[in-house]
């Protein structure tokens, strides 16, 4: 029986020590919301400025992440109006072109186009879609060319070059996306979900300490009592709450300054710009090369066209 009383007393003491501070803070918060609280303890000006800067940093990370998270979605630029078949999404462009080059007849060419798909599905990007449409058009025109023709169709040639180039651009875009995911999105998300979250947690601790302090002050001044009439226990309670408040403000100040001073977000931005620059440079090189190749075909066709007209 004595052990039961001792256990009950221990539990009651534990519950009281954990619930009472929370209840006091909740009551103080409610009073402040309803305008029935006394004067609130002011936070240091420097601390408030840090809070404003942390809020700005948080909002910036959230907005940029909302936009750049699309880099983790392969089909972010895939046109919704395109309807590609299972065969269209089969083998890659380069693989199909290789099979077509070995085809000795129209039936073999058709078999190359409709060859079973590779184990890995073809990417759903805008460039890959253009590549697939271009190769399909090239083969359609080639198969419509009369048998026995000694010269390949110029447009079919040009479309095949476009298909190969667009696939290369699409692969470069996927490489860019992978680089951005690993070197920008990962770091940017870590800052938001770890560093800024740690600062928010510290700020919550400050607010709780401030509520506890003001609750202790409010309890001591109940009934209009002035500070000189506080009891010794009330003074000790206020002093203890003040110590905790100052400690939490110092901790939060240190954490927020560290979050704001770290160069990690700028490092992440450099990686984002670097990945985009490398992709656009690679794409420009590919497109410049294919443009020259198609221009050569165009010039040859125009020369043949003028000669035919002059005859």
C-alpha atoms as a PDB file:
ATOM      1  CA  UNK A   1       0.000   0.000   0.000  1.00  0.00           C
ATOM      2  CA  UNK A   2       2.844   2.365   0.875  1.00  0.00           C
ATOM      3  CA  UNK A   3       4.543   1.515  -2.439  1.00  0.00           C
ATOM      4  CA  UNK A   4       1.315   2.322  -4.294  1.00  0.00           C
ATOM      5  CA  UNK A   5       1.079   5.708  -2.556  1.00  0.00           C
ATOM      6  CA  UNK A   6       4.713   6.397  -3.370  1.00  0.00           C
ATOM      7  CA  UNK A   7       4.137   5.473  -7.041  1.00  0.00           C
ATOM      8  CA  UNK A   8       1.019   7.654  -7.190  1.00  0.00           C
ATOM      9  CA  UNK A   9       2.891  10.555  -5.622  1.00  0.00           C
ATOM     10  CA  UNK A  10       5.766  10.191  -8.127  1.00  0.00           C
ATOM     11  CA  UNK A  11       3.403  10.095 -11.111  1.00  0.00           C
ATOM     12  CA  UNK A  12       1.446  13.092  -9.830  1.00  0.00           C
ATOM     13  CA  UNK A  13       4.653  15.049  -9.339  1.00  0.00           C
ATOM     14  CA  UNK A  14       5.898  14.168 -12.860  1.00  0.00           C
ATOM     15  CA  UNK A  15       2.585  15.020 -14.494  1.00  0.00           C
ATOM     16  CA  UNK A  16       2.337  18.269 -12.541  1.00  0.00           C
ATOM     17  CA  UNK A  17       5.864  19.363 -13.500  1.00  0.00           C
ATOM     18  CA  UNK A  18       5.258  18.646 -17.188  1.00  0.00           C
ATOM     19  CA  UNK A  19       1.658  19.766 -17.537  1.00  0.00           C
ATOM     20  CA  UNK A  20       1.669  22.875 -15.385  1.00  0.00           C
ATOM     21  CA  UNK A  21       4.242  24.848 -17.443  1.00  0.00           C
ATOM     22  CA  UNK A  22       2.370  23.936 -20.628  1.00  0.00           C
ATOM     23  CA  UNK A  23      -0.952  24.912 -19.071  1.00  0.00           C
ATOM     24  CA  UNK A  24       0.522  28.210 -17.865  1.00  0.00           C
ATOM     25  CA  UNK A  25       1.890  28.987 -21.344  1.00  0.00           C
ATOM     26  CA  UNK A  26      -1.400  28.046 -22.975  1.00  0.00           C
ATOM     27  CA  UNK A  27      -3.339  30.260 -20.588  1.00  0.00           C
ATOM     28  CA  UNK A  28      -0.931  33.149 -21.192  1.00  0.00           C
ATOM     29  CA  UNK A  29      -1.171  32.693 -24.957  1.00  0.00           C
ATOM     30  CA  UNK A  30      -4.982  32.719 -24.765  1.00  0.00           C
ATOM     31  CA  UNK A  31      -4.938  35.897 -22.700  1.00  0.00           C
ATOM     32  CA  UNK A  32      -2.694  37.591 -25.246  1.00  0.00           C
ATOM     33  CA  UNK A  33      -4.918  36.532 -28.136  1.00  0.00           C
ATOM     34  CA  UNK A  34      -7.983  37.903 -26.411  1.00  0.00           C
ATOM     35  CA  UNK A  35      -6.281  41.103 -25.264  1.00  0.00           C
ATOM     36  CA  UNK A  36      -6.565  40.256 -21.575  1.00  0.00           C
ATOM     37  CA  UNK A  37      -2.856  39.896 -20.839  1.00  0.00           C
ATOM     38  CA  UNK A  38      -0.606  42.466 -19.277  1.00  0.00           C
ATOM     39  CA  UNK A  39       2.514  43.895 -20.876  1.00  0.00           C
ATOM     40  CA  UNK A  40       4.444  41.384 -23.001  1.00  0.00           C
ATOM     41  CA  UNK A  41       8.166  40.941 -22.479  1.00  0.00           C
ATOM     42  CA  UNK A  42       9.901  42.504 -25.453  1.00  0.00           C
ATOM     43  CA  UNK A  43      12.402  40.566 -27.525  1.00  0.00           C
ATOM     44  CA  UNK A  44      15.796  42.168 -28.254  1.00  0.00           C
ATOM     45  CA  UNK A  45      15.827  44.285 -31.415  1.00  0.00           C
ATOM     46  CA  UNK A  46      18.716  42.311 -32.937  1.00  0.00           C
ATOM     47  CA  UNK A  47      16.848  39.086 -32.290  1.00  0.00           C
ATOM     48  CA  UNK A  48      13.716  40.371 -34.036  1.00  0.00           C
ATOM     49  CA  UNK A  49      15.796  41.416 -37.046  1.00  0.00           C
ATOM     50  CA  UNK A  50      17.240  37.902 -37.257  1.00  0.00           C
ATOM     51  CA  UNK A  51      13.729  36.444 -37.191  1.00  0.00           C
ATOM     52  CA  UNK A  52      12.705  38.657 -40.115  1.00  0.00           C
ATOM     53  CA  UNK A  53      15.756  37.535 -42.095  1.00  0.00           C
ATOM     54  CA  UNK A  54      15.101  33.863 -41.320  1.00  0.00           C
ATOM     55  CA  UNK A  55      11.503  34.239 -42.510  1.00  0.00           C
ATOM     56  CA  UNK A  56      12.763  35.802 -45.752  1.00  0.00           C
ATOM     57  CA  UNK A  57      15.277  32.986 -46.244  1.00  0.00           C
ATOM     58  CA  UNK A  58      12.595  30.377 -45.608  1.00  0.00           C
ATOM     59  CA  UNK A  59      10.151  31.946 -48.072  1.00  0.00           C
ATOM     60  CA  UNK A  60      12.890  32.170 -50.709  1.00  0.00           C
ATOM     61  CA  UNK A  61      13.824  28.511 -50.330  1.00  0.00           C
ATOM     62  CA  UNK A  62      10.196  27.401 -50.481  1.00  0.00           C
ATOM     63  CA  UNK A  63       9.427  29.393 -53.639  1.00  0.00           C
ATOM     64  CA  UNK A  64      12.538  28.372 -55.555  1.00  0.00           C
ATOM     65  CA  UNK A  65      12.100  24.743 -54.543  1.00  0.00           C
ATOM     66  CA  UNK A  66       8.491  24.838 -55.761  1.00  0.00           C
ATOM     67  CA  UNK A  67       9.779  25.889 -59.192  1.00  0.00           C
ATOM     68  CA  UNK A  68      12.979  23.854 -59.501  1.00  0.00           C
ATOM     69  CA  UNK A  69      11.545  20.631 -58.084  1.00  0.00           C
ATOM     70  CA  UNK A  70      10.297  20.059 -61.635  1.00  0.00           C
ATOM     71  CA  UNK A  71      13.824  18.934 -62.473  1.00  0.00           C
ATOM     72  CA  UNK A  72      12.980  15.716 -60.612  1.00  0.00           C
ATOM     73  CA  UNK A  73      10.072  15.107 -63.012  1.00  0.00           C
ATOM     74  CA  UNK A  74      11.393  13.698 -66.289  1.00  0.00           C
ATOM     75  CA  UNK A  75       8.336  14.711 -68.308  1.00  0.00           C
ATOM     76  CA  UNK A  76       8.174  18.352 -67.182  1.00  0.00           C
ATOM     77  CA  UNK A  77       8.416  19.605 -70.787  1.00  0.00           C
ATOM     78  CA  UNK A  78       6.642  16.690 -72.471  1.00  0.00           C
ATOM     79  CA  UNK A  79       3.709  18.101 -74.492  1.00  0.00           C
ATOM     80  CA  UNK A  80       0.362  16.873 -73.126  1.00  0.00           C
ATOM     81  CA  UNK A  81      -1.204  16.808 -76.617  1.00  0.00           C
ATOM     82  CA  UNK A  82       1.216  14.186 -77.987  1.00  0.00           C
ATOM     83  CA  UNK A  83      -0.154  10.661 -78.297  1.00  0.00           C
ATOM     84  CA  UNK A  84       2.716   8.224 -78.746  1.00  0.00           C
ATOM     85  CA  UNK A  85       2.170   4.500 -79.156  1.00  0.00           C
ATOM     86  CA  UNK A  86       3.922   1.618 -77.434  1.00  0.00           C
ATOM     87  CA  UNK A  87       6.016   1.143 -80.575  1.00  0.00           C
ATOM     88  CA  UNK A  88       6.966   4.836 -80.628  1.00  0.00           C
ATOM     89  CA  UNK A  89       8.341   4.472 -77.120  1.00  0.00           C
ATOM     90  CA  UNK A  90      10.279   1.340 -78.031  1.00  0.00           C
ATOM     91  CA  UNK A  91      13.953   1.464 -78.910  1.00  0.00           C
ATOM     92  CA  UNK A  92      16.013   4.647 -78.837  1.00  0.00           C
ATOM     93  CA  UNK A  93      16.592   6.791 -81.910  1.00  0.00           C
ATOM     94  CA  UNK A  94      20.243   5.863 -82.387  1.00  0.00           C
ATOM     95  CA  UNK A  95      19.401   2.175 -82.058  1.00  0.00           C
ATOM     96  CA  UNK A  96      16.585   2.442 -84.602  1.00  0.00           C
ATOM     97  CA  UNK A  97      18.785   4.361 -87.048  1.00  0.00           C
ATOM     98  CA  UNK A  98      21.408   1.628 -86.735  1.00  0.00           C
ATOM     99  CA  UNK A  99      18.816  -1.057 -87.468  1.00  0.00           C
ATOM    100  CA  UNK A 100      17.454   0.923 -90.421  1.00  0.00           C
ATOM    101  CA  UNK A 101      20.921   1.275 -91.919  1.00  0.00           C
ATOM    102  CA  UNK A 102      21.156  -2.518 -92.078  1.00  0.00           C
ATOM    103  CA  UNK A 103      17.702  -2.985 -93.631  1.00  0.00           C
ATOM    104  CA  UNK A 104      17.816  -4.276 -97.198  1.00  0.00           C
ATOM    105  CA  UNK A 105      14.134  -3.941 -97.999  1.00  0.00           C
ATOM    106  CA  UNK A 106      10.988  -2.055 -97.054  1.00  0.00           C
ATOM    107  CA  UNK A 107       9.805  -4.960 -94.909  1.00  0.00           C
ATOM    108  CA  UNK A 108      13.106  -5.069 -93.025  1.00  0.00           C
ATOM    109  CA  UNK A 109      12.933  -1.302 -92.503  1.00  0.00           C
ATOM    110  CA  UNK A 110       9.415  -1.621 -91.127  1.00  0.00           C
ATOM    111  CA  UNK A 111      10.582  -4.382 -88.828  1.00  0.00           C
ATOM    112  CA  UNK A 112      13.376  -2.126 -87.568  1.00  0.00           C
ATOM    113  CA  UNK A 113      10.888   0.624 -86.763  1.00  0.00           C
ATOM    114  CA  UNK A 114       8.540  -1.772 -84.931  1.00  0.00           C
ATOM    115  CA  UNK A 115      11.318  -3.732 -83.189  1.00  0.00           C
ATOM    116  CA  UNK A 116      10.540  -4.857 -79.618  1.00  0.00           C
ATOM    117  CA  UNK A 117      11.198  -2.151 -77.044  1.00  0.00           C
ATOM    118  CA  UNK A 118      14.344  -2.018 -74.958  1.00  0.00           C
ATOM    119  CA  UNK A 119      14.246  -2.959 -71.287  1.00  0.00           C
ATOM    120  CA  UNK A 120      14.375   0.711 -70.320  1.00  0.00           C
ATOM    121  CA  UNK A 121      11.429   2.851 -71.536  1.00  0.00           C
ATOM    122  CA  UNK A 122      12.339   5.754 -73.765  1.00  0.00           C
ATOM    123  CA  UNK A 123      12.400   9.143 -71.985  1.00  0.00           C
ATOM    124  CA  UNK A 124       9.369  11.399 -72.086  1.00  0.00           C
ATOM    125  CA  UNK A 125      10.997  14.730 -72.860  1.00  0.00           C
ATOM    126  CA  UNK A 126      10.097  17.289 -75.500  1.00  0.00           C
ATOM    127  CA  UNK A 127      13.340  16.680 -77.393  1.00  0.00           C
ATOM    128  CA  UNK A 128      12.878  12.925 -77.389  1.00  0.00           C
ATOM    129  CA  UNK A 129       9.311  13.395 -78.661  1.00  0.00           C
ATOM    130  CA  UNK A 130      10.601  15.564 -81.543  1.00  0.00           C
ATOM    131  CA  UNK A 131      13.263  12.934 -82.250  1.00  0.00           C
ATOM    132  CA  UNK A 132      10.727  10.120 -82.434  1.00  0.00           C
ATOM    133  CA  UNK A 133       8.373  12.130 -84.654  1.00  0.00           C
ATOM    134  CA  UNK A 134      11.237  13.139 -86.947  1.00  0.00           C
ATOM    135  CA  UNK A 135      12.517   9.575 -87.386  1.00  0.00           C
ATOM    136  CA  UNK A 136       8.990   8.328 -88.014  1.00  0.00           C
ATOM    137  CA  UNK A 137       8.556  11.003 -90.687  1.00  0.00           C
ATOM    138  CA  UNK A 138      11.910  10.151 -92.228  1.00  0.00           C
ATOM    139  CA  UNK A 139      11.000   6.495 -92.522  1.00  0.00           C
ATOM    140  CA  UNK A 140       7.489   7.233 -93.815  1.00  0.00           C
ATOM    141  CA  UNK A 141       8.915   9.389 -96.617  1.00  0.00           C
ATOM    142  CA  UNK A 142      11.664   6.865 -97.404  1.00  0.00           C
ATOM    143  CA  UNK A 143       9.167   4.003 -97.700  1.00  0.00           C
ATOM    144  CA  UNK A 144       6.991   6.145 -99.987  1.00  0.00           C
ATOM    145  CA  UNK A 145       9.918   6.821-102.341  1.00  0.00           C
ATOM    146  CA  UNK A 146       9.648   4.697-105.524  1.00  0.00           C
ATOM    147  CA  UNK A 147      11.753   1.555-105.453  1.00  0.00           C
ATOM    148  CA  UNK A 148      14.795   1.690-107.650  1.00  0.00           C
ATOM    149  CA  UNK A 149      15.469   5.350-106.896  1.00  0.00           C
ATOM    150  CA  UNK A 150      19.229   5.917-106.765  1.00  0.00           C
ATOM    151  CA  UNK A 151      19.107   9.024-104.590  1.00  0.00           C
ATOM    152  CA  UNK A 152      17.761   9.102-101.034  1.00  0.00           C
ATOM    153  CA  UNK A 153      15.031  11.617-100.321  1.00  0.00           C
ATOM    154  CA  UNK A 154      16.636  14.881 -99.039  1.00  0.00           C
ATOM    155  CA  UNK A 155      13.835  15.592 -96.551  1.00  0.00           C
ATOM    156  CA  UNK A 156      14.061  12.067 -95.176  1.00  0.00           C
ATOM    157  CA  UNK A 157      17.806  12.573 -94.728  1.00  0.00           C
ATOM    158  CA  UNK A 158      17.269  15.883 -92.965  1.00  0.00           C
ATOM    159  CA  UNK A 159      14.620  14.462 -90.659  1.00  0.00           C
ATOM    160  CA  UNK A 160      16.898  11.596 -89.661  1.00  0.00           C
ATOM    161  CA  UNK A 161      19.633  14.065 -88.743  1.00  0.00           C
ATOM    162  CA  UNK A 162      17.115  16.070 -86.705  1.00  0.00           C
ATOM    163  CA  UNK A 163      16.029  12.894 -84.910  1.00  0.00           C
ATOM    164  CA  UNK A 164      19.580  11.980 -83.912  1.00  0.00           C
ATOM    165  CA  UNK A 165      20.389  15.537 -82.814  1.00  0.00           C
ATOM    166  CA  UNK A 166      17.189  15.945 -80.797  1.00  0.00           C
ATOM    167  CA  UNK A 167      17.839  12.682 -78.974  1.00  0.00           C
ATOM    168  CA  UNK A 168      21.306  13.962 -78.033  1.00  0.00           C
ATOM    169  CA  UNK A 169      19.804  17.235 -76.764  1.00  0.00           C
ATOM    170  CA  UNK A 170      17.232  15.250 -74.765  1.00  0.00           C
ATOM    171  CA  UNK A 171      19.966  13.142 -73.193  1.00  0.00           C
ATOM    172  CA  UNK A 172      21.905  16.312 -72.333  1.00  0.00           C
ATOM    173  CA  UNK A 173      18.773  17.684 -70.662  1.00  0.00           C
ATOM    174  CA  UNK A 174      18.423  14.538 -68.585  1.00  0.00           C
ATOM    175  CA  UNK A 175      22.084  14.820 -67.558  1.00  0.00           C
ATOM    176  CA  UNK A 176      21.416  18.423 -66.513  1.00  0.00           C
ATOM    177  CA  UNK A 177      18.392  17.349 -64.462  1.00  0.00           C
ATOM    178  CA  UNK A 178      20.389  14.671 -62.656  1.00  0.00           C
ATOM    179  CA  UNK A 179      23.140  17.157 -61.855  1.00  0.00           C
ATOM    180  CA  UNK A 180      20.635  19.704 -60.535  1.00  0.00           C
ATOM    181  CA  UNK A 181      18.911  17.094 -58.376  1.00  0.00           C
ATOM    182  CA  UNK A 182      22.174  16.038 -56.767  1.00  0.00           C
ATOM    183  CA  UNK A 183      23.985  19.352 -56.475  1.00  0.00           C
ATOM    184  CA  UNK A 184      21.186  21.910 -56.063  1.00  0.00           C
ATOM    185  CA  UNK A 185      17.883  20.400 -54.965  1.00  0.00           C
ATOM    186  CA  UNK A 186      19.498  18.161 -52.334  1.00  0.00           C
ATOM    187  CA  UNK A 187      21.395  21.044 -50.714  1.00  0.00           C
ATOM    188  CA  UNK A 188      18.569  23.564 -51.032  1.00  0.00           C
ATOM    189  CA  UNK A 189      16.138  21.081 -49.444  1.00  0.00           C
ATOM    190  CA  UNK A 190      18.603  20.305 -46.646  1.00  0.00           C
ATOM    191  CA  UNK A 191      18.879  23.994 -45.770  1.00  0.00           C
ATOM    192  CA  UNK A 192      15.094  24.289 -45.580  1.00  0.00           C
ATOM    193  CA  UNK A 193      14.360  21.006 -43.814  1.00  0.00           C
ATOM    194  CA  UNK A 194      17.328  20.964 -41.456  1.00  0.00           C
ATOM    195  CA  UNK A 195      18.980  24.355 -40.913  1.00  0.00           C
ATOM    196  CA  UNK A 196      15.930  26.607 -41.167  1.00  0.00           C
ATOM    197  CA  UNK A 197      13.823  24.029 -39.331  1.00  0.00           C
ATOM    198  CA  UNK A 198      16.399  24.069 -36.510  1.00  0.00           C
ATOM    199  CA  UNK A 199      16.106  27.866 -36.375  1.00  0.00           C
ATOM    200  CA  UNK A 200      12.304  27.611 -36.239  1.00  0.00           C
ATOM    201  CA  UNK A 201      12.566  25.121 -33.375  1.00  0.00           C
ATOM    202  CA  UNK A 202      14.858  27.477 -31.462  1.00  0.00           C
ATOM    203  CA  UNK A 203      12.448  30.358 -32.058  1.00  0.00           C
ATOM    204  CA  UNK A 204       9.577  28.257 -30.705  1.00  0.00           C
ATOM    205  CA  UNK A 205      11.626  27.606 -27.572  1.00  0.00           C
ATOM    206  CA  UNK A 206      12.111  31.372 -27.188  1.00  0.00           C
ATOM    207  CA  UNK A 207       8.397  32.021 -27.548  1.00  0.00           C
ATOM    208  CA  UNK A 208       7.578  29.310 -24.989  1.00  0.00           C
ATOM    209  CA  UNK A 209      10.118  30.793 -22.552  1.00  0.00           C
ATOM    210  CA  UNK A 210       8.647  34.241 -23.065  1.00  0.00           C
ATOM    211  CA  UNK A 211       5.123  32.950 -22.424  1.00  0.00           C
ATOM    212  CA  UNK A 212       6.303  31.196 -19.259  1.00  0.00           C
ATOM    213  CA  UNK A 213       7.994  34.382 -18.067  1.00  0.00           C
ATOM    214  CA  UNK A 214       4.947  36.543 -18.710  1.00  0.00           C
ATOM    215  CA  UNK A 215       2.723  33.911 -17.095  1.00  0.00           C
ATOM    216  CA  UNK A 216       4.894  34.046 -13.953  1.00  0.00           C
ATOM    217  CA  UNK A 217       4.746  37.857 -13.978  1.00  0.00           C
ATOM    218  CA  UNK A 218       1.005  37.808 -14.499  1.00  0.00           C
ATOM    219  CA  UNK A 219       0.454  35.373 -11.645  1.00  0.00           C
ATOM    220  CA  UNK A 220       2.573  37.473  -9.290  1.00  0.00           C
ATOM    221  CA  UNK A 221       0.786  40.708 -10.233  1.00  0.00           C
ATOM    222  CA  UNK A 222      -2.717  39.243 -10.002  1.00  0.00           C
ATOM    223  CA  UNK A 223      -5.104  41.466  -8.126  1.00  0.00           C
ATOM    224  CA  UNK A 224      -3.093  44.588  -8.957  1.00  0.00           C
ATOM    225  CA  UNK A 225      -0.090  43.743  -6.791  1.00  0.00           C
ATOM    226  CA  UNK A 226       3.071  45.699  -7.520  1.00  0.00           C
ATOM    227  CA  UNK A 227       6.533  44.196  -7.784  1.00  0.00           C
ATOM    228  CA  UNK A 228       7.544  45.236  -4.266  1.00  0.00           C
ATOM    229  CA  UNK A 229       4.705  43.165  -2.847  1.00  0.00           C
ATOM    230  CA  UNK A 230       5.652  39.919  -4.602  1.00  0.00           C
ATOM    231  CA  UNK A 231       6.354  36.922  -2.374  1.00  0.00           C
ATOM    232  CA  UNK A 232       9.804  35.350  -2.268  1.00  0.00           C
ATOM    233  CA  UNK A 233       8.538  32.324  -4.190  1.00  0.00           C
ATOM    234  CA  UNK A 234       7.031  34.557  -6.848  1.00  0.00           C
ATOM    235  CA  UNK A 235      10.305  36.483  -7.243  1.00  0.00           C
ATOM    236  CA  UNK A 236      12.249  33.238  -7.566  1.00  0.00           C
ATOM    237  CA  UNK A 237       9.788  31.935 -10.153  1.00  0.00           C
ATOM    238  CA  UNK A 238      10.132  35.122 -12.212  1.00  0.00           C
ATOM    239  CA  UNK A 239      13.938  35.101 -11.950  1.00  0.00           C
ATOM    240  CA  UNK A 240      14.094  31.448 -12.995  1.00  0.00           C
ATOM    241  CA  UNK A 241      11.813  32.150 -15.972  1.00  0.00           C
ATOM    242  CA  UNK A 242      13.945  35.155 -16.921  1.00  0.00           C
ATOM    243  CA  UNK A 243      17.094  33.012 -16.865  1.00  0.00           C
ATOM    244  CA  UNK A 244      15.484  30.447 -19.159  1.00  0.00           C
ATOM    245  CA  UNK A 245      14.221  33.205 -21.465  1.00  0.00           C
ATOM    246  CA  UNK A 246      17.673  34.816 -21.793  1.00  0.00           C
ATOM    247  CA  UNK A 247      19.252  31.403 -22.374  1.00  0.00           C
ATOM    248  CA  UNK A 248      16.789  30.502 -25.143  1.00  0.00           C
ATOM    249  CA  UNK A 249      17.210  33.902 -26.818  1.00  0.00           C
ATOM    250  CA  UNK A 250      20.996  33.462 -26.825  1.00  0.00           C
ATOM    251  CA  UNK A 251      20.708  29.937 -28.253  1.00  0.00           C
ATOM    252  CA  UNK A 252      18.269  30.976 -30.973  1.00  0.00           C
ATOM    253  CA  UNK A 253      20.374  34.014 -31.865  1.00  0.00           C
ATOM    254  CA  UNK A 254      23.438  31.817 -32.336  1.00  0.00           C
ATOM    255  CA  UNK A 255      21.537  29.269 -34.444  1.00  0.00           C
ATOM    256  CA  UNK A 256      19.882  31.891 -36.660  1.00  0.00           C
ATOM    257  CA  UNK A 257      23.176  33.679 -37.318  1.00  0.00           C
ATOM    258  CA  UNK A 258      24.787  30.398 -38.344  1.00  0.00           C
ATOM    259  CA  UNK A 259      21.924  29.640 -40.727  1.00  0.00           C
ATOM    260  CA  UNK A 260      22.082  33.110 -42.268  1.00  0.00           C
ATOM    261  CA  UNK A 261      25.878  33.207 -42.558  1.00  0.00           C
ATOM    262  CA  UNK A 262      26.456  29.813 -44.180  1.00  0.00           C
ATOM    263  CA  UNK A 263      27.547  30.063 -47.855  1.00  0.00           C
ATOM    264  CA  UNK A 264      25.813  26.774 -48.714  1.00  0.00           C
ATOM    265  CA  UNK A 265      22.788  28.348 -50.492  1.00  0.00           C
ATOM    266  CA  UNK A 266      25.125  30.310 -52.777  1.00  0.00           C
ATOM    267  CA  UNK A 267      27.134  27.161 -53.477  1.00  0.00           C
ATOM    268  CA  UNK A 268      23.901  25.449 -54.470  1.00  0.00           C
ATOM    269  CA  UNK A 269      22.954  28.337 -56.768  1.00  0.00           C
ATOM    270  CA  UNK A 270      26.343  28.107 -58.487  1.00  0.00           C
ATOM    271  CA  UNK A 271      25.695  24.417 -59.171  1.00  0.00           C
ATOM    272  CA  UNK A 272      22.228  25.208 -60.562  1.00  0.00           C
ATOM    273  CA  UNK A 273      23.597  27.810 -62.964  1.00  0.00           C
ATOM    274  CA  UNK A 274      26.567  25.628 -63.885  1.00  0.00           C
ATOM    275  CA  UNK A 275      24.319  22.684 -64.789  1.00  0.00           C
ATOM    276  CA  UNK A 276      22.088  24.903 -66.915  1.00  0.00           C
ATOM    277  CA  UNK A 277      25.048  26.557 -68.635  1.00  0.00           C
ATOM    278  CA  UNK A 278      26.631  23.199 -69.487  1.00  0.00           C
ATOM    279  CA  UNK A 279      23.337  21.872 -70.854  1.00  0.00           C
ATOM    280  CA  UNK A 280      22.617  24.912 -73.019  1.00  0.00           C
ATOM    281  CA  UNK A 281      26.183  24.944 -74.330  1.00  0.00           C
ATOM    282  CA  UNK A 282      25.970  21.252 -75.202  1.00  0.00           C
ATOM    283  CA  UNK A 283      22.562  21.741 -76.830  1.00  0.00           C
ATOM    284  CA  UNK A 284      23.846  24.723 -78.824  1.00  0.00           C
ATOM    285  CA  UNK A 285      26.822  22.706 -80.106  1.00  0.00           C
ATOM    286  CA  UNK A 286      24.588  19.803 -81.161  1.00  0.00           C
ATOM    287  CA  UNK A 287      22.050  22.044 -82.904  1.00  0.00           C
ATOM    288  CA  UNK A 288      24.737  24.099 -84.634  1.00  0.00           C
ATOM    289  CA  UNK A 289      26.300  20.939 -86.030  1.00  0.00           C
ATOM    290  CA  UNK A 290      23.021  19.451 -87.259  1.00  0.00           C
ATOM    291  CA  UNK A 291      21.976  22.775 -88.767  1.00  0.00           C
ATOM    292  CA  UNK A 292      25.155  22.779 -90.877  1.00  0.00           C
ATOM    293  CA  UNK A 293      24.539  19.196 -91.985  1.00  0.00           C
ATOM    294  CA  UNK A 294      20.937  19.891 -93.001  1.00  0.00           C
ATOM    295  CA  UNK A 295      22.002  23.111 -94.749  1.00  0.00           C
ATOM    296  CA  UNK A 296      24.415  21.089 -96.905  1.00  0.00           C
ATOM    297  CA  UNK A 297      21.584  18.739 -97.902  1.00  0.00           C
ATOM    298  CA  UNK A 298      19.375  21.757 -98.616  1.00  0.00           C
ATOM    299  CA  UNK A 299      22.015  23.368-100.860  1.00  0.00           C
ATOM    300  CA  UNK A 300      22.512  20.128-102.805  1.00  0.00           C
ATOM    301  CA  UNK A 301      18.758  19.787-103.295  1.00  0.00           C
ATOM    302  CA  UNK A 302      18.419  23.393-104.487  1.00  0.00           C
ATOM    303  CA  UNK A 303      21.280  22.887-106.958  1.00  0.00           C
ATOM    304  CA  UNK A 304      19.612  19.759-108.346  1.00  0.00           C
ATOM    305  CA  UNK A 305      16.256  21.572-108.460  1.00  0.00           C
ATOM    306  CA  UNK A 306      17.688  24.473-110.488  1.00  0.00           C
ATOM    307  CA  UNK A 307      19.459  22.115-112.891  1.00  0.00           C
ATOM    308  CA  UNK A 308      16.230  20.181-113.469  1.00  0.00           C
ATOM    309  CA  UNK A 309      14.336  23.393-114.228  1.00  0.00           C
ATOM    310  CA  UNK A 310      16.999  24.614-116.665  1.00  0.00           C
ATOM    311  CA  UNK A 311      16.826  21.486-118.761  1.00  0.00           C
END
